[in-house]
C-alpha atoms as a PDB file:
ATOM      1  CA  MET A   1      -1.634  -1.295 -24.386  1.00  0.00           C
ATOM      2  CA  GLY A   2      -1.900  -3.350 -21.157  1.00  0.00           C
ATOM      3  CA  ILE A   3      -1.100  -2.282 -17.628  1.00  0.00           C
ATOM      4  CA  THR A   4       0.862   0.893 -16.985  1.00  0.00           C
ATOM      5  CA  ILE A   5       2.187   2.180 -13.681  1.00  0.00           C
ATOM      6  CA  THR A   6       2.772   5.877 -13.193  1.00  0.00           C
ATOM      7  CA  GLU A   7       3.828   7.891 -10.192  1.00  0.00           C
ATOM      8  CA  VAL A   8       1.313  10.384  -8.862  1.00  0.00           C
ATOM      9  CA  ASP A   9       2.644  13.871  -9.559  1.00  0.00           C
ATOM     10  CA  PRO A  10       3.378  15.493  -6.177  1.00  0.00           C
ATOM     11  CA  ALA A  11       2.591  18.909  -7.662  1.00  0.00           C
ATOM     12  CA  GLU A  12      -0.866  17.755  -8.826  1.00  0.00           C
ATOM     13  CA  PRO A  13      -2.034  14.918  -6.562  1.00  0.00           C
ATOM     14  CA  GLY A  14      -5.693  15.994  -6.518  1.00  0.00           C
ATOM     15  CA  PRO A  15      -7.228  14.135  -9.476  1.00  0.00           C
ATOM     16  CA  ASP A  16      -5.159  11.004  -8.866  1.00  0.00           C
ATOM     17  CA  SER A  17      -5.926  11.146  -5.126  1.00  0.00           C
ATOM     18  CA  VAL A  18      -9.631  10.896  -5.959  1.00  0.00           C
ATOM     19  CA  ARG A  19      -8.985   7.945  -8.285  1.00  0.00           C
ATOM     20  CA  VAL A  20      -6.784   6.165  -5.720  1.00  0.00           C
ATOM     21  CA  ALA A  21      -9.365   6.711  -2.964  1.00  0.00           C
ATOM     22  CA  ALA A  22     -12.149   5.273  -5.135  1.00  0.00           C
ATOM     23  CA  LEU A  23     -10.017   2.219  -5.880  1.00  0.00           C
ATOM     24  CA  ALA A  24      -9.148   1.900  -2.169  1.00  0.00           C
ATOM     25  CA  ARG A  25     -12.859   1.846  -1.329  1.00  0.00           C
ATOM     26  CA  GLU A  26     -13.457  -0.959  -3.848  1.00  0.00           C
ATOM     27  CA  ILE A  27     -10.504  -3.077  -2.697  1.00  0.00           C
ATOM     28  CA  TRP A  28     -10.894  -2.515   1.038  1.00  0.00           C
ATOM     29  CA  THR A  29     -14.642  -3.136   1.090  1.00  0.00           C
ATOM     30  CA  GLN A  30     -14.238  -6.340  -0.870  1.00  0.00           C
ATOM     31  CA  HIS A  31     -11.124  -7.738   0.824  1.00  0.00           C
ATOM     32  CA  TYR A  32     -10.998  -6.436   4.388  1.00  0.00           C
ATOM     33  CA  SER A  33     -14.619  -6.479   5.552  1.00  0.00           C
ATOM     34  CA  SER A  34     -14.346 -10.185   6.394  1.00  0.00           C
ATOM     35  CA  LEU A  35     -10.994  -9.674   8.175  1.00  0.00           C
ATOM     36  CA  ILE A  36     -11.673  -6.610  10.312  1.00  0.00           C
ATOM     37  CA  GLY A  37     -15.379  -5.869   9.873  1.00  0.00           C
ATOM     38  CA  ALA A  38     -17.251  -3.379   7.726  1.00  0.00           C
ATOM     39  CA  ASP A  39     -17.308  -0.673  10.426  1.00  0.00           C
ATOM     40  CA  GLN A  40     -13.517  -0.664  10.820  1.00  0.00           C
ATOM     41  CA  VAL A  41     -13.073  -0.710   7.044  1.00  0.00           C
ATOM     42  CA  GLU A  42     -15.253   2.391   6.737  1.00  0.00           C
ATOM     43  CA  TYR A  43     -13.380   4.104   9.582  1.00  0.00           C
ATOM     44  CA  MET A  44      -9.988   3.332   8.021  1.00  0.00           C
ATOM     45  CA  LEU A  45     -11.091   4.411   4.537  1.00  0.00           C
ATOM     46  CA  ASP A  46     -12.267   7.754   5.907  1.00  0.00           C
ATOM     47  CA  ARG A  47      -9.169   8.246   8.050  1.00  0.00           C
ATOM     48  CA  PHE A  48      -6.338   6.833   5.906  1.00  0.00           C
ATOM     49  CA  GLN A  49      -7.582   6.418   2.329  1.00  0.00           C
ATOM     50  CA  SER A  50      -9.581   9.573   1.605  1.00  0.00           C
ATOM     51  CA  PRO A  51      -8.584  11.884  -1.266  1.00  0.00           C
ATOM     52  CA  ALA A  52      -7.589  14.589   1.240  1.00  0.00           C
ATOM     53  CA  ARG A  53      -5.418  12.193   3.266  1.00  0.00           C
ATOM     54  CA  ILE A  54      -3.721  10.796   0.156  1.00  0.00           C
ATOM     55  CA  ALA A  55      -2.964  14.324  -1.112  1.00  0.00           C
ATOM     56  CA  SER A  56      -1.699  15.265   2.360  1.00  0.00           C
ATOM     57  CA  ASP A  57       0.535  12.173   2.478  1.00  0.00           C
ATOM     58  CA  ILE A  58       2.015  13.076  -0.911  1.00  0.00           C
ATOM     59  CA  ALA A  59       2.603  16.675   0.205  1.00  0.00           C
ATOM     60  CA  GLY A  60       4.366  15.255   3.279  1.00  0.00           C
ATOM     61  CA  GLY A  61       6.812  13.125   1.296  1.00  0.00           C
ATOM     62  CA  TYR A  62       4.960   9.919   0.491  1.00  0.00           C
ATOM     63  CA  ARG A  63       5.252   8.642  -3.043  1.00  0.00           C
ATOM     64  CA  TYR A  64       2.261   6.992  -4.713  1.00  0.00           C
ATOM     65  CA  TRP A  65       2.014   4.885  -7.856  1.00  0.00           C
ATOM     66  CA  LEU A  66      -1.165   4.014  -9.694  1.00  0.00           C
ATOM     67  CA  ALA A  67      -1.508   0.986 -11.985  1.00  0.00           C
ATOM     68  CA  GLU A  68      -4.062   1.202 -14.761  1.00  0.00           C
ATOM     69  CA  ASP A  69      -5.345  -1.333 -17.235  1.00  0.00           C
ATOM     70  CA  GLU A  70      -6.439   0.485 -20.365  1.00  0.00           C
ATOM     71  CA  GLY A  71      -7.072   3.614 -18.295  1.00  0.00           C
ATOM     72  CA  THR A  72      -8.940   1.883 -15.458  1.00  0.00           C
ATOM     73  CA  PRO A  73      -7.241   2.015 -12.033  1.00  0.00           C
ATOM     74  CA  VAL A  74      -6.515  -1.543 -10.823  1.00  0.00           C
ATOM     75  CA  ALA A  75      -3.798  -1.209  -8.148  1.00  0.00           C
ATOM     76  CA  TYR A  76      -1.904   1.355  -6.133  1.00  0.00           C
ATOM     77  CA  CYS A  77       1.081   1.640  -3.876  1.00  0.00           C
ATOM     78  CA  GLY A  78       2.168   4.254  -1.365  1.00  0.00           C
ATOM     79  CA  ALA A  79       5.617   4.421   0.196  1.00  0.00           C
ATOM     80  CA  GLU A  80       7.298   6.709   2.693  1.00  0.00           C
ATOM     81  CA  PRO A  81      11.071   7.141   2.755  1.00  0.00           C
ATOM     82  CA  GLN A  82      12.291   6.953   6.351  1.00  0.00           C
ATOM     83  CA  SER A  83      15.754   7.333   7.855  1.00  0.00           C
ATOM     84  CA  ASP A  84      16.754   3.689   7.467  1.00  0.00           C
ATOM     85  CA  ALA A  85      14.134   2.094   5.208  1.00  0.00           C
ATOM     86  CA  LEU A  86      11.399   2.650   2.667  1.00  0.00           C
ATOM     87  CA  PHE A  87       8.079   1.970   4.393  1.00  0.00           C
ATOM     88  CA  MET A  88       5.717   0.387   1.871  1.00  0.00           C
ATOM     89  CA  SER A  89       2.563   1.563   3.588  1.00  0.00           C
ATOM     90  CA  LYS A  90       0.158   0.558   0.848  1.00  0.00           C
ATOM     91  CA  ILE A  91       0.203  -2.187  -1.787  1.00  0.00           C
ATOM     92  CA  TYR A  92      -3.335  -2.914  -2.930  1.00  0.00           C
ATOM     93  CA  VAL A  93      -4.491  -4.770  -6.025  1.00  0.00           C
ATOM     94  CA  ALA A  94      -8.072  -5.153  -7.256  1.00  0.00           C
ATOM     95  CA  LEU A  95      -9.415  -8.699  -7.125  1.00  0.00           C
ATOM     96  CA  SER A  96      -9.694  -8.755 -10.931  1.00  0.00           C
ATOM     97  CA  HIS A  97      -5.928  -8.202 -11.270  1.00  0.00           C
ATOM     98  CA  ARG A  98      -4.455 -10.273  -8.448  1.00  0.00           C
ATOM     99  CA  GLY A  99      -1.910 -12.871  -9.472  1.00  0.00           C
ATOM    100  CA  GLN A 100      -0.693 -10.801 -12.436  1.00  0.00           C
ATOM    101  CA  GLY A 101       2.551  -9.586 -10.878  1.00  0.00           C
ATOM    102  CA  LEU A 102       1.460  -6.090  -9.873  1.00  0.00           C
ATOM    103  CA  ALA A 103       2.619  -6.432  -6.260  1.00  0.00           C
ATOM    104  CA  ARG A 104       5.978  -7.628  -7.599  1.00  0.00           C
ATOM    105  CA  ARG A 105       6.188  -4.586  -9.856  1.00  0.00           C
ATOM    106  CA  PHE A 106       5.466  -2.280  -6.919  1.00  0.00           C
ATOM    107  CA  VAL A 107       8.134  -4.009  -4.819  1.00  0.00           C
ATOM    108  CA  GLU A 108      10.608  -3.596  -7.703  1.00  0.00           C
ATOM    109  CA  ILE A 109       9.751   0.118  -7.841  1.00  0.00           C
ATOM    110  CA  GLY A 110      10.357   0.247  -4.074  1.00  0.00           C
ATOM    111  CA  GLU A 111      13.738  -1.431  -4.531  1.00  0.00           C
ATOM    112  CA  ASP A 112      14.660   1.170  -7.151  1.00  0.00           C
ATOM    113  CA  VAL A 113      13.657   3.968  -4.757  1.00  0.00           C
ATOM    114  CA  CYS A 114      15.776   2.367  -2.005  1.00  0.00           C
ATOM    115  CA  ARG A 115      18.794   2.296  -4.310  1.00  0.00           C
ATOM    116  CA  GLU A 116      18.130   5.878  -5.393  1.00  0.00           C
ATOM    117  CA  LEU A 117      17.980   7.032  -1.739  1.00  0.00           C
ATOM    118  CA  GLY A 118      20.711   4.744  -0.379  1.00  0.00           C
ATOM    119  CA  LEU A 119      18.320   2.730   1.804  1.00  0.00           C
ATOM    120  CA  ALA A 120      19.237  -0.887   2.555  1.00  0.00           C
ATOM    121  CA  LYS A 121      15.762  -2.263   3.265  1.00  0.00           C
ATOM    122  CA  MET A 122      12.027  -1.954   2.808  1.00  0.00           C
ATOM    123  CA  GLY A 123       9.439  -2.493   5.505  1.00  0.00           C
ATOM    124  CA  LEU A 124       5.696  -2.995   5.651  1.00  0.00           C
ATOM    125  CA  THR A 125       2.949  -4.072   8.005  1.00  0.00           C
ATOM    126  CA  VAL A 126       0.270  -6.641   7.225  1.00  0.00           C
ATOM    127  CA  ASN A 127      -2.769  -7.806   9.170  1.00  0.00           C
ATOM    128  CA  LYS A 128      -1.880 -11.022  11.042  1.00  0.00           C
ATOM    129  CA  TYR A 129      -4.956 -12.764   9.613  1.00  0.00           C
ATOM    130  CA  ASN A 130      -4.341 -11.759   5.986  1.00  0.00           C
ATOM    131  CA  ALA A 131      -2.768 -15.104   5.047  1.00  0.00           C
ATOM    132  CA  GLY A 132      -2.808 -14.508   1.289  1.00  0.00           C
ATOM    133  CA  SER A 133      -0.935 -11.217   1.520  1.00  0.00           C
ATOM    134  CA  ILE A 134       1.535 -12.617   4.047  1.00  0.00           C
ATOM    135  CA  ALA A 135       2.335 -15.491   1.681  1.00  0.00           C
ATOM    136  CA  ALA A 136       2.685 -13.092  -1.260  1.00  0.00           C
ATOM    137  CA  TYR A 137       5.076 -10.830   0.662  1.00  0.00           C
ATOM    138  CA  GLU A 138       7.151 -13.816   1.783  1.00  0.00           C
ATOM    139  CA  HIS A 139       7.297 -14.962  -1.848  1.00  0.00           C
ATOM    140  CA  LEU A 140       8.613 -11.488  -2.744  1.00  0.00           C
ATOM    141  CA  GLY A 141      11.420 -11.775  -0.188  1.00  0.00           C
ATOM    142  CA  PHE A 142       9.922 -10.139   2.902  1.00  0.00           C
ATOM    143  CA  LYS A 143      10.399 -11.760   6.309  1.00  0.00           C
ATOM    144  CA  ILE A 144       8.389 -11.323   9.508  1.00  0.00           C
ATOM    145  CA  VAL A 145      10.571  -9.442  12.003  1.00  0.00           C
ATOM    146  CA  GLY A 146       8.021  -8.507  14.646  1.00  0.00           C
ATOM    147  CA  THR A 147       4.450  -7.714  15.579  1.00  0.00           C
ATOM    148  CA  GLN A 148       2.579  -4.588  16.538  1.00  0.00           C
ATOM    149  CA  VAL A 149      -0.842  -3.660  17.782  1.00  0.00           C
ATOM    150  CA  ALA A 150      -1.538  -0.015  16.936  1.00  0.00           C
ATOM    151  CA  ASP A 151      -4.465   1.901  18.405  1.00  0.00           C
ATOM    152  CA  ILE A 152      -5.973   3.883  15.524  1.00  0.00           C
ATOM    153  CA  GLY A 153      -8.783   5.494  17.518  1.00  0.00           C
ATOM    154  CA  SER A 154     -12.506   4.928  18.038  1.00  0.00           C
ATOM    155  CA  GLY A 155     -11.806   1.587  19.699  1.00  0.00           C
ATOM    156  CA  TYR A 156     -10.082   0.105  16.634  1.00  0.00           C
ATOM    157  CA  VAL A 157      -6.617  -1.419  16.432  1.00  0.00           C
ATOM    158  CA  MET A 158      -4.392  -2.701  13.674  1.00  0.00           C
ATOM    159  CA  ASP A 159      -3.002  -6.111  14.696  1.00  0.00           C
ATOM    160  CA  ASP A 160      -0.101  -6.575  12.303  1.00  0.00           C
ATOM    161  CA  TYR A 161       3.079  -8.394  11.493  1.00  0.00           C
ATOM    162  CA  ILE A 162       6.071  -6.182  10.705  1.00  0.00           C
ATOM    163  CA  MET A 163       7.890  -7.459   7.627  1.00  0.00           C
ATOM    164  CA  GLU A 164      11.209  -6.401   6.081  1.00  0.00           C
ATOM    165  CA  LYS A 165      13.133  -7.078   2.915  1.00  0.00           C
ATOM    166  CA  VAL A 166      16.821  -6.374   2.458  1.00  0.00           C
ATOM    167  CA  VAL A 167      17.530  -4.579  -0.807  1.00  0.00           C
ATOM    168  CA  GLU A 168      20.542  -5.927  -2.660  1.00  0.00           C
END
């Protein structure tokens, strides 16, 4: 059967929100603890990647996709349509499935959404020290267009590059 990607049903985000949050915990703990520290990872998981927050994001207009390999969640993506671009707020792939084209598939889905909504570009933010993800996004056609330091509370900040990709 292989890997399938399905959109989380906005009318029923609950069960998938729990599955996405569990996958987020696995990916974030493994990948981001060395970049931003375990305490900030825990804070961000609770604040931005909890089942309740994911369901709330979906109810507010975000679209989420979940990739599964034989029924096991292995990657997810969340995107928010904005006035001039599709903000790809989340593209996360489990270590076991990196390098298999899942980020590319999510970007292609984002491009389709842009065309559907008449948006000319996609944007995302990425931690300035996340060299592997930066390289992957550049390979997928994104370019660094700026930087931002966002205060997310409790003394934590997100120190990111802003990247954009023009959709043909």
